[in-house]
Amino acid sequence: MNGRVSDEKRMVECHYNGAVIMVPLKIFLAMTMRTQYDERRFVRYKEGAKIYGMSEREFNKLAHDARAVYKRNKMALVKLDIIDRYLEYFRE
């Protein structure tokens, strides 16, 4: 199975046994990574690390590097849209 993300429609092009199927990104992530990728725009570090499949420490660093952290009192929230745009800079 091969996947390519279409930025315009947030769809993934999947190739399987010669057929090409367009699948919504959220469904693709849920099926392939068993990730609950819901409509939330902000998450805490632990949830973000699970969504992106990395350690909490690495996600914390990524969020700060992307300047996606919003703090209120002692609570920190990370905006996922900013993380997604930041990660596009590292695309090969």
PDB file of N, CA and C in Angstrom:
ATOM      1  N   MET A   1       0.845  -1.176   0.000  1.00  0.00           N
ATOM      2  CA  MET A   1       0.000   0.000   0.000  1.00  0.00           C
ATOM      3  C   MET A   1       0.885   1.232   0.000  1.00  0.00           C
ATOM      4  N   ASN A   2       0.625   2.153  -0.886  1.00  0.00           N
ATOM      5  CA  ASN A   2       1.405   3.365  -1.024  1.00  0.00           C
ATOM      6  C   ASN A   2       0.474   4.548  -0.783  1.00  0.00           C
ATOM      7  N   GLY A   3       0.905   5.573  -0.049  1.00  0.00           N
ATOM      8  CA  GLY A   3       0.022   6.702   0.217  1.00  0.00           C
ATOM      9  C   GLY A   3       0.677   8.027  -0.115  1.00  0.00           C
ATOM     10  N   ARG A   4      -0.113   8.953  -0.669  1.00  0.00           N
ATOM     11  CA  ARG A   4       0.347  10.301  -0.961  1.00  0.00           C
ATOM     12  C   ARG A   4      -0.766  11.252  -0.562  1.00  0.00           C
ATOM     13  N   VAL A   5      -0.427  12.307   0.205  1.00  0.00           N
ATOM     14  CA  VAL A   5      -1.437  13.230   0.713  1.00  0.00           C
ATOM     15  C   VAL A   5      -1.650  14.361  -0.274  1.00  0.00           C
ATOM     16  N   SER A   6      -2.903  14.645  -0.571  1.00  0.00           N
ATOM     17  CA  SER A   6      -3.287  15.789  -1.393  1.00  0.00           C
ATOM     18  C   SER A   6      -3.625  16.932  -0.453  1.00  0.00           C
ATOM     19  N   ASP A   7      -2.835  18.010  -0.481  1.00  0.00           N
ATOM     20  CA  ASP A   7      -3.031  19.124   0.449  1.00  0.00           C
ATOM     21  C   ASP A   7      -4.364  19.831   0.262  1.00  0.00           C
ATOM     22  N   GLU A   8      -4.856  19.933  -0.976  1.00  0.00           N
ATOM     23  CA  GLU A   8      -6.068  20.683  -1.233  1.00  0.00           C
ATOM     24  C   GLU A   8      -7.288  20.051  -0.569  1.00  0.00           C
ATOM     25  N   LYS A   9      -7.415  18.766  -0.617  1.00  0.00           N
ATOM     26  CA  LYS A   9      -8.631  18.104  -0.146  1.00  0.00           C
ATOM     27  C   LYS A   9      -8.433  17.294   1.125  1.00  0.00           C
ATOM     28  N   ARG A  10      -7.196  17.231   1.633  1.00  0.00           N
ATOM     29  CA  ARG A  10      -6.873  16.432   2.818  1.00  0.00           C
ATOM     30  C   ARG A  10      -7.294  14.979   2.598  1.00  0.00           C
ATOM     31  N   MET A  11      -6.971  14.495   1.403  1.00  0.00           N
ATOM     32  CA  MET A  11      -7.256  13.114   1.020  1.00  0.00           C
ATOM     33  C   MET A  11      -5.938  12.393   0.792  1.00  0.00           C
ATOM     34  N   VAL A  12      -5.948  11.090   0.953  1.00  0.00           N
ATOM     35  CA  VAL A  12      -4.773  10.265   0.728  1.00  0.00           C
ATOM     36  C   VAL A  12      -5.054   9.356  -0.464  1.00  0.00           C
ATOM     37  N   GLU A  13      -4.115   9.343  -1.403  1.00  0.00           N
ATOM     38  CA  GLU A  13      -4.234   8.478  -2.575  1.00  0.00           C
ATOM     39  C   GLU A  13      -3.607   7.129  -2.222  1.00  0.00           C
ATOM     40  N   CYS A  14      -4.404   6.087  -2.177  1.00  0.00           N
ATOM     41  CA  CYS A  14      -3.938   4.757  -1.802  1.00  0.00           C
ATOM     42  C   CYS A  14      -3.939   3.848  -3.036  1.00  0.00           C
ATOM     43  N   HIS A  15      -2.844   3.116  -3.200  1.00  0.00           N
ATOM     44  CA  HIS A  15      -2.712   2.167  -4.306  1.00  0.00           C
ATOM     45  C   HIS A  15      -2.747   0.760  -3.724  1.00  0.00           C
ATOM     46  N   TYR A  16      -3.661  -0.057  -4.207  1.00  0.00           N
ATOM     47  CA  TYR A  16      -3.783  -1.416  -3.704  1.00  0.00           C
ATOM     48  C   TYR A  16      -4.211  -2.327  -4.847  1.00  0.00           C
ATOM     49  N   ASN A  17      -3.380  -3.299  -5.154  1.00  0.00           N
ATOM     50  CA  ASN A  17      -3.655  -4.266  -6.229  1.00  0.00           C
ATOM     51  C   ASN A  17      -4.052  -3.597  -7.540  1.00  0.00           C
ATOM     52  N   GLY A  18      -3.342  -2.539  -7.884  1.00  0.00           N
ATOM     53  CA  GLY A  18      -3.598  -1.856  -9.146  1.00  0.00           C
ATOM     54  C   GLY A  18      -4.717  -0.839  -9.118  1.00  0.00           C
ATOM     55  N   ALA A  19      -5.456  -0.755  -8.049  1.00  0.00           N
ATOM     56  CA  ALA A  19      -6.546   0.216  -7.940  1.00  0.00           C
ATOM     57  C   ALA A  19      -6.071   1.436  -7.161  1.00  0.00           C
ATOM     58  N   VAL A  20      -6.587   2.600  -7.517  1.00  0.00           N
ATOM     59  CA  VAL A  20      -6.287   3.848  -6.823  1.00  0.00           C
ATOM     60  C   VAL A  20      -7.558   4.295  -6.111  1.00  0.00           C
ATOM     61  N   ILE A  21      -7.434   4.484  -4.805  1.00  0.00           N
ATOM     62  CA  ILE A  21      -8.591   4.852  -3.985  1.00  0.00           C
ATOM     63  C   ILE A  21      -8.234   6.118  -3.213  1.00  0.00           C
ATOM     64  N   MET A  22      -9.141   7.108  -3.226  1.00  0.00           N
ATOM     65  CA  MET A  22      -8.947   8.332  -2.447  1.00  0.00           C
ATOM     66  C   MET A  22      -9.670   8.158  -1.109  1.00  0.00           C
ATOM     67  N   VAL A  23      -8.925   8.332  -0.019  1.00  0.00           N
ATOM     68  CA  VAL A  23      -9.460   8.125   1.324  1.00  0.00           C
ATOM     69  C   VAL A  23      -9.223   9.402   2.137  1.00  0.00           C
ATOM     70  N   PRO A  24     -10.219   9.871   2.905  1.00  0.00           N
ATOM     71  CA  PRO A  24     -10.001  11.025   3.778  1.00  0.00           C
ATOM     72  C   PRO A  24      -8.852  10.760   4.754  1.00  0.00           C
ATOM     73  N   LEU A  25      -8.031  11.779   4.984  1.00  0.00           N
ATOM     74  CA  LEU A  25      -6.845  11.651   5.825  1.00  0.00           C
ATOM     75  C   LEU A  25      -7.173  11.102   7.215  1.00  0.00           C
ATOM     76  N   LYS A  26      -8.244  11.561   7.822  1.00  0.00           N
ATOM     77  CA  LYS A  26      -8.592  11.106   9.179  1.00  0.00           C
ATOM     78  C   LYS A  26      -8.871   9.611   9.210  1.00  0.00           C
ATOM     79  N   ILE A  27      -9.552   9.119   8.197  1.00  0.00           N
ATOM     80  CA  ILE A  27      -9.846   7.681   8.128  1.00  0.00           C
ATOM     81  C   ILE A  27      -8.562   6.905   7.867  1.00  0.00           C
ATOM     82  N   PHE A  28      -7.717   7.416   6.971  1.00  0.00           N
ATOM     83  CA  PHE A  28      -6.436   6.765   6.677  1.00  0.00           C
ATOM     84  C   PHE A  28      -5.588   6.643   7.938  1.00  0.00           C
ATOM     85  N   LEU A  29      -5.479   7.730   8.708  1.00  0.00           N
ATOM     86  CA  LEU A  29      -4.697   7.700   9.946  1.00  0.00           C
ATOM     87  C   LEU A  29      -5.285   6.729  10.960  1.00  0.00           C
ATOM     88  N   ALA A  30      -6.603   6.736  11.077  1.00  0.00           N
ATOM     89  CA  ALA A  30      -7.254   5.827  12.032  1.00  0.00           C
ATOM     90  C   ALA A  30      -7.024   4.379  11.647  1.00  0.00           C
ATOM     91  N   MET A  31      -7.045   4.076  10.353  1.00  0.00           N
ATOM     92  CA  MET A  31      -6.878   2.695   9.896  1.00  0.00           C
ATOM     93  C   MET A  31      -5.423   2.241   9.965  1.00  0.00           C
ATOM     94  N   THR A  32      -4.496   3.081   9.535  1.00  0.00           N
ATOM     95  CA  THR A  32      -3.106   2.654   9.442  1.00  0.00           C
ATOM     96  C   THR A  32      -2.329   2.827  10.734  1.00  0.00           C
ATOM     97  N   MET A  33      -2.641   3.863  11.497  1.00  0.00           N
ATOM     98  CA  MET A  33      -1.868   4.138  12.705  1.00  0.00           C
ATOM     99  C   MET A  33      -2.683   3.970  13.968  1.00  0.00           C
ATOM    100  N   ARG A  34      -3.945   3.570  13.790  1.00  0.00           N
ATOM    101  CA  ARG A  34      -4.854   3.423  14.923  1.00  0.00           C
ATOM    102  C   ARG A  34      -4.868   4.678  15.785  1.00  0.00           C
ATOM    103  N   THR A  35      -4.925   5.814  15.104  1.00  0.00           N
ATOM    104  CA  THR A  35      -4.882   7.113  15.750  1.00  0.00           C
ATOM    105  C   THR A  35      -6.258   7.738  15.754  1.00  0.00           C
ATOM    106  N   GLN A  36      -6.637   8.288  16.866  1.00  0.00           N
ATOM    107  CA  GLN A  36      -7.871   9.046  16.958  1.00  0.00           C
ATOM    108  C   GLN A  36      -7.542  10.482  16.573  1.00  0.00           C
ATOM    109  N   TYR A  37      -7.766  10.838  15.316  1.00  0.00           N
ATOM    110  CA  TYR A  37      -7.471  12.180  14.828  1.00  0.00           C
ATOM    111  C   TYR A  37      -8.795  12.894  14.639  1.00  0.00           C
ATOM    112  N   ASP A  38      -9.259  13.531  15.689  1.00  0.00           N
ATOM    113  CA  ASP A  38     -10.566  14.160  15.626  1.00  0.00           C
ATOM    114  C   ASP A  38     -10.443  15.625  15.225  1.00  0.00           C
ATOM    115  N   GLU A  39     -11.509  16.343  15.376  1.00  0.00           N
ATOM    116  CA  GLU A  39     -11.586  17.721  14.913  1.00  0.00           C
ATOM    117  C   GLU A  39     -10.994  18.737  15.893  1.00  0.00           C
ATOM    118  N   ARG A  40     -10.383  18.281  16.953  1.00  0.00           N
ATOM    119  CA  ARG A  40      -9.823  19.238  17.905  1.00  0.00           C
ATOM    120  C   ARG A  40      -8.690  20.018  17.279  1.00  0.00           C
ATOM    121  N   ARG A  41      -8.628  21.287  17.572  1.00  0.00           N
ATOM    122  CA  ARG A  41      -7.566  22.129  17.039  1.00  0.00           C
ATOM    123  C   ARG A  41      -6.396  22.225  18.005  1.00  0.00           C
ATOM    124  N   PHE A  42      -6.671  22.076  19.296  1.00  0.00           N
ATOM    125  CA  PHE A  42      -5.637  22.171  20.321  1.00  0.00           C
ATOM    126  C   PHE A  42      -5.563  20.862  21.094  1.00  0.00           C
ATOM    127  N   VAL A  43      -4.348  20.456  21.445  1.00  0.00           N
ATOM    128  CA  VAL A  43      -4.154  19.252  22.248  1.00  0.00           C
ATOM    129  C   VAL A  43      -3.081  19.529  23.294  1.00  0.00           C
ATOM    130  N   ARG A  44      -3.019  18.659  24.267  1.00  0.00           N
ATOM    131  CA  ARG A  44      -1.917  18.707  25.236  1.00  0.00           C
ATOM    132  C   ARG A  44      -0.766  17.881  24.685  1.00  0.00           C
ATOM    133  N   TYR A  45       0.393  17.972  25.326  1.00  0.00           N
ATOM    134  CA  TYR A  45       1.586  17.302  24.818  1.00  0.00           C
ATOM    135  C   TYR A  45       1.395  15.794  24.655  1.00  0.00           C
ATOM    136  N   LYS A  46       0.771  15.164  25.638  1.00  0.00           N
ATOM    137  CA  LYS A  46       0.608  13.708  25.602  1.00  0.00           C
ATOM    138  C   LYS A  46      -0.244  13.274  24.416  1.00  0.00           C
ATOM    139  N   GLU A  47      -1.352  13.991  24.176  1.00  0.00           N
ATOM    140  CA  GLU A  47      -2.227  13.667  23.047  1.00  0.00           C
ATOM    141  C   GLU A  47      -1.534  13.921  21.716  1.00  0.00           C
ATOM    142  N   GLY A  48      -0.816  15.029  21.624  1.00  0.00           N
ATOM    143  CA  GLY A  48      -0.097  15.362  20.390  1.00  0.00           C
ATOM    144  C   GLY A  48       0.971  14.340  20.061  1.00  0.00           C
ATOM    145  N   ALA A  49       1.682  13.878  21.081  1.00  0.00           N
ATOM    146  CA  ALA A  49       2.705  12.859  20.863  1.00  0.00           C
ATOM    147  C   ALA A  49       2.090  11.583  20.322  1.00  0.00           C
ATOM    148  N   LYS A  50       0.925  11.232  20.809  1.00  0.00           N
ATOM    149  CA  LYS A  50       0.235  10.025  20.335  1.00  0.00           C
ATOM    150  C   LYS A  50      -0.227  10.201  18.889  1.00  0.00           C
ATOM    151  N   ILE A  51      -0.777  11.370  18.558  1.00  0.00           N
ATOM    152  CA  ILE A  51      -1.254  11.640  17.208  1.00  0.00           C
ATOM    153  C   ILE A  51      -0.117  11.555  16.193  1.00  0.00           C
ATOM    154  N   TYR A  52       1.034  12.132  16.538  1.00  0.00           N
ATOM    155  CA  TYR A  52       2.152  12.179  15.597  1.00  0.00           C
ATOM    156  C   TYR A  52       3.116  11.005  15.746  1.00  0.00           C
ATOM    157  N   GLY A  53       2.842  10.115  16.671  1.00  0.00           N
ATOM    158  CA  GLY A  53       3.642   8.904  16.810  1.00  0.00           C
ATOM    159  C   GLY A  53       5.069   9.165  17.253  1.00  0.00           C
ATOM    160  N   MET A  54       5.241  10.011  18.253  1.00  0.00           N
ATOM    161  CA  MET A  54       6.579  10.311  18.761  1.00  0.00           C
ATOM    162  C   MET A  54       6.520  10.430  20.278  1.00  0.00           C
ATOM    163  N   SER A  55       7.682  10.553  20.879  1.00  0.00           N
ATOM    164  CA  SER A  55       7.718  10.673  22.329  1.00  0.00           C
ATOM    165  C   SER A  55       7.171  12.040  22.750  1.00  0.00           C
ATOM    166  N   GLU A  56       6.745  12.112  23.986  1.00  0.00           N
ATOM    167  CA  GLU A  56       6.215  13.359  24.517  1.00  0.00           C
ATOM    168  C   GLU A  56       7.282  14.453  24.513  1.00  0.00           C
ATOM    169  N   ARG A  57       8.484  14.067  24.832  1.00  0.00           N
ATOM    170  CA  ARG A  57       9.597  15.026  24.861  1.00  0.00           C
ATOM    171  C   ARG A  57       9.877  15.579  23.463  1.00  0.00           C
ATOM    172  N   GLU A  58       9.883  14.709  22.460  1.00  0.00           N
ATOM    173  CA  GLU A  58      10.130  15.140  21.089  1.00  0.00           C
ATOM    174  C   GLU A  58       8.988  16.027  20.584  1.00  0.00           C
ATOM    175  N   PHE A  59       7.746  15.688  20.923  1.00  0.00           N
ATOM    176  CA  PHE A  59       6.611  16.511  20.520  1.00  0.00           C
ATOM    177  C   PHE A  59       6.660  17.877  21.200  1.00  0.00           C
ATOM    178  N   ASN A  60       7.056  17.902  22.463  1.00  0.00           N
ATOM    179  CA  ASN A  60       7.199  19.160  23.197  1.00  0.00           C
ATOM    180  C   ASN A  60       8.199  20.064  22.476  1.00  0.00           C
ATOM    181  N   LYS A  61       9.331  19.508  22.084  1.00  0.00           N
ATOM    182  CA  LYS A  61      10.363  20.277  21.383  1.00  0.00           C
ATOM    183  C   LYS A  61       9.841  20.751  20.031  1.00  0.00           C
ATOM    184  N   LEU A  62       9.169  19.870  19.300  1.00  0.00           N
ATOM    185  CA  LEU A  62       8.604  20.221  18.007  1.00  0.00           C
ATOM    186  C   LEU A  62       7.601  21.364  18.146  1.00  0.00           C
ATOM    187  N   ALA A  63       6.735  21.282  19.133  1.00  0.00           N
ATOM    188  CA  ALA A  63       5.712  22.310  19.347  1.00  0.00           C
ATOM    189  C   ALA A  63       6.340  23.664  19.654  1.00  0.00           C
ATOM    190  N   HIS A  64       7.381  23.656  20.471  1.00  0.00           N
ATOM    191  CA  HIS A  64       8.052  24.919  20.786  1.00  0.00           C
ATOM    192  C   HIS A  64       8.801  25.464  19.573  1.00  0.00           C
ATOM    193  N   ASP A  65       9.467  24.600  18.821  1.00  0.00           N
ATOM    194  CA  ASP A  65      10.176  25.038  17.614  1.00  0.00           C
ATOM    195  C   ASP A  65       9.209  25.643  16.605  1.00  0.00           C
ATOM    196  N   ALA A  66       8.016  25.083  16.517  1.00  0.00           N
ATOM    197  CA  ALA A  66       6.998  25.563  15.579  1.00  0.00           C
ATOM    198  C   ALA A  66       6.257  26.795  16.115  1.00  0.00           C
ATOM    199  N   ARG A  67       6.510  27.139  17.363  1.00  0.00           N
ATOM    200  CA  ARG A  67       5.819  28.237  18.037  1.00  0.00           C
ATOM    201  C   ARG A  67       4.308  28.003  18.035  1.00  0.00           C
ATOM    202  N   ALA A  68       3.927  26.769  18.376  1.00  0.00           N
ATOM    203  CA  ALA A  68       2.520  26.363  18.373  1.00  0.00           C
ATOM    204  C   ALA A  68       1.959  26.197  19.776  1.00  0.00           C
ATOM    205  N   VAL A  69       2.703  26.623  20.794  1.00  0.00           N
ATOM    206  CA  VAL A  69       2.287  26.428  22.183  1.00  0.00           C
ATOM    207  C   VAL A  69       1.557  27.666  22.696  1.00  0.00           C
ATOM    208  N   TYR A  70       0.406  27.433  23.273  1.00  0.00           N
ATOM    209  CA  TYR A  70      -0.391  28.488  23.893  1.00  0.00           C
ATOM    210  C   TYR A  70      -0.471  28.163  25.375  1.00  0.00           C
ATOM    211  N   LYS A  71      -0.082  29.125  26.230  1.00  0.00           N
ATOM    212  CA  LYS A  71      -0.094  28.874  27.671  1.00  0.00           C
ATOM    213  C   LYS A  71      -1.098  29.776  28.364  1.00  0.00           C
ATOM    214  N   ARG A  72      -1.772  29.170  29.308  1.00  0.00           N
ATOM    215  CA  ARG A  72      -2.718  29.893  30.159  1.00  0.00           C
ATOM    216  C   ARG A  72      -2.546  29.336  31.561  1.00  0.00           C
ATOM    217  N   ASN A  73      -2.159  30.192  32.499  1.00  0.00           N
ATOM    218  CA  ASN A  73      -1.810  29.761  33.848  1.00  0.00           C
ATOM    219  C   ASN A  73      -0.742  28.671  33.753  1.00  0.00           C
ATOM    220  N   LYS A  74      -1.032  27.458  34.198  1.00  0.00           N
ATOM    221  CA  LYS A  74      -0.044  26.374  34.116  1.00  0.00           C
ATOM    222  C   LYS A  74      -0.407  25.339  33.069  1.00  0.00           C
ATOM    223  N   MET A  75      -1.376  25.668  32.211  1.00  0.00           N
ATOM    224  CA  MET A  75      -1.812  24.737  31.178  1.00  0.00           C
ATOM    225  C   MET A  75      -1.199  25.149  29.840  1.00  0.00           C
ATOM    226  N   ALA A  76      -0.662  24.174  29.122  1.00  0.00           N
ATOM    227  CA  ALA A  76      -0.107  24.420  27.790  1.00  0.00           C
ATOM    228  C   ALA A  76      -0.916  23.623  26.770  1.00  0.00           C
ATOM    229  N   LEU A  77      -1.320  24.297  25.707  1.00  0.00           N
ATOM    230  CA  LEU A  77      -2.031  23.661  24.610  1.00  0.00           C
ATOM    231  C   LEU A  77      -1.244  23.882  23.325  1.00  0.00           C
ATOM    232  N   VAL A  78      -1.306  22.904  22.441  1.00  0.00           N
ATOM    233  CA  VAL A  78      -0.572  22.975  21.176  1.00  0.00           C
ATOM    234  C   VAL A  78      -1.576  23.013  20.034  1.00  0.00           C
ATOM    235  N   LYS A  79      -1.408  23.972  19.124  1.00  0.00           N
ATOM    236  CA  LYS A  79      -2.298  24.107  17.979  1.00  0.00           C
ATOM    237  C   LYS A  79      -1.790  23.215  16.843  1.00  0.00           C
ATOM    238  N   LEU A  80      -2.607  22.237  16.471  1.00  0.00           N
ATOM    239  CA  LEU A  80      -2.197  21.232  15.488  1.00  0.00           C
ATOM    240  C   LEU A  80      -2.005  21.800  14.089  1.00  0.00           C
ATOM    241  N   ASP A  81      -2.778  22.803  13.708  1.00  0.00           N
ATOM    242  CA  ASP A  81      -2.630  23.399  12.384  1.00  0.00           C
ATOM    243  C   ASP A  81      -1.232  23.980  12.183  1.00  0.00           C
ATOM    244  N   ILE A  82      -0.709  24.609  13.215  1.00  0.00           N
ATOM    245  CA  ILE A  82       0.631  25.196  13.133  1.00  0.00           C
ATOM    246  C   ILE A  82       1.680  24.096  13.014  1.00  0.00           C
ATOM    247  N   ILE A  83       1.518  23.005  13.762  1.00  0.00           N
ATOM    248  CA  ILE A  83       2.444  21.872  13.687  1.00  0.00           C
ATOM    249  C   ILE A  83       2.459  21.306  12.267  1.00  0.00           C
ATOM    250  N   ASP A  84       1.274  21.115  11.676  1.00  0.00           N
ATOM    251  CA  ASP A  84       1.184  20.566  10.318  1.00  0.00           C
ATOM    252  C   ASP A  84       1.905  21.458   9.314  1.00  0.00           C
ATOM    253  N   ARG A  85       1.686  22.766   9.400  1.00  0.00           N
ATOM    254  CA  ARG A  85       2.350  23.691   8.468  1.00  0.00           C
ATOM    255  C   ARG A  85       3.860  23.703   8.687  1.00  0.00           C
ATOM    256  N   TYR A  86       4.292  23.628   9.941  1.00  0.00           N
ATOM    257  CA  TYR A  86       5.715  23.622  10.262  1.00  0.00           C
ATOM    258  C   TYR A  86       6.388  22.368   9.699  1.00  0.00           C
ATOM    259  N   LEU A  87       5.735  21.234   9.810  1.00  0.00           N
ATOM    260  CA  LEU A  87       6.307  19.989   9.317  1.00  0.00           C
ATOM    261  C   LEU A  87       6.466  19.975   7.794  1.00  0.00           C
ATOM    262  N   GLU A  88       5.667  20.746   7.088  1.00  0.00           N
ATOM    263  CA  GLU A  88       5.777  20.825   5.632  1.00  0.00           C
ATOM    264  C   GLU A  88       7.139  21.367   5.193  1.00  0.00           C
ATOM    265  N   TYR A  89       7.803  22.169   6.025  1.00  0.00           N
ATOM    266  CA  TYR A  89       9.124  22.698   5.684  1.00  0.00           C
ATOM    267  C   TYR A  89      10.179  21.592   5.604  1.00  0.00           C
ATOM    268  N   PHE A  90       9.949  20.481   6.284  1.00  0.00           N
ATOM    269  CA  PHE A  90      10.921  19.402   6.336  1.00  0.00           C
ATOM    270  C   PHE A  90      10.622  18.276   5.339  1.00  0.00           C
ATOM    271  N   ARG A  91       9.645  18.501   4.502  1.00  0.00           N
ATOM    272  CA  ARG A  91       9.243  17.503   3.523  1.00  0.00           C
ATOM    273  C   ARG A  91      10.322  17.334   2.454  1.00  0.00           C
ATOM    274  N   GLU A  92      10.627  16.116   2.117  1.00  0.00           N
ATOM    275  CA  GLU A  92      11.648  15.825   1.090  1.00  0.00           C
ATOM    276  C   GLU A  92      11.023  15.472  -0.217  1.00  0.00           C
TER     277      GLU A  92
END
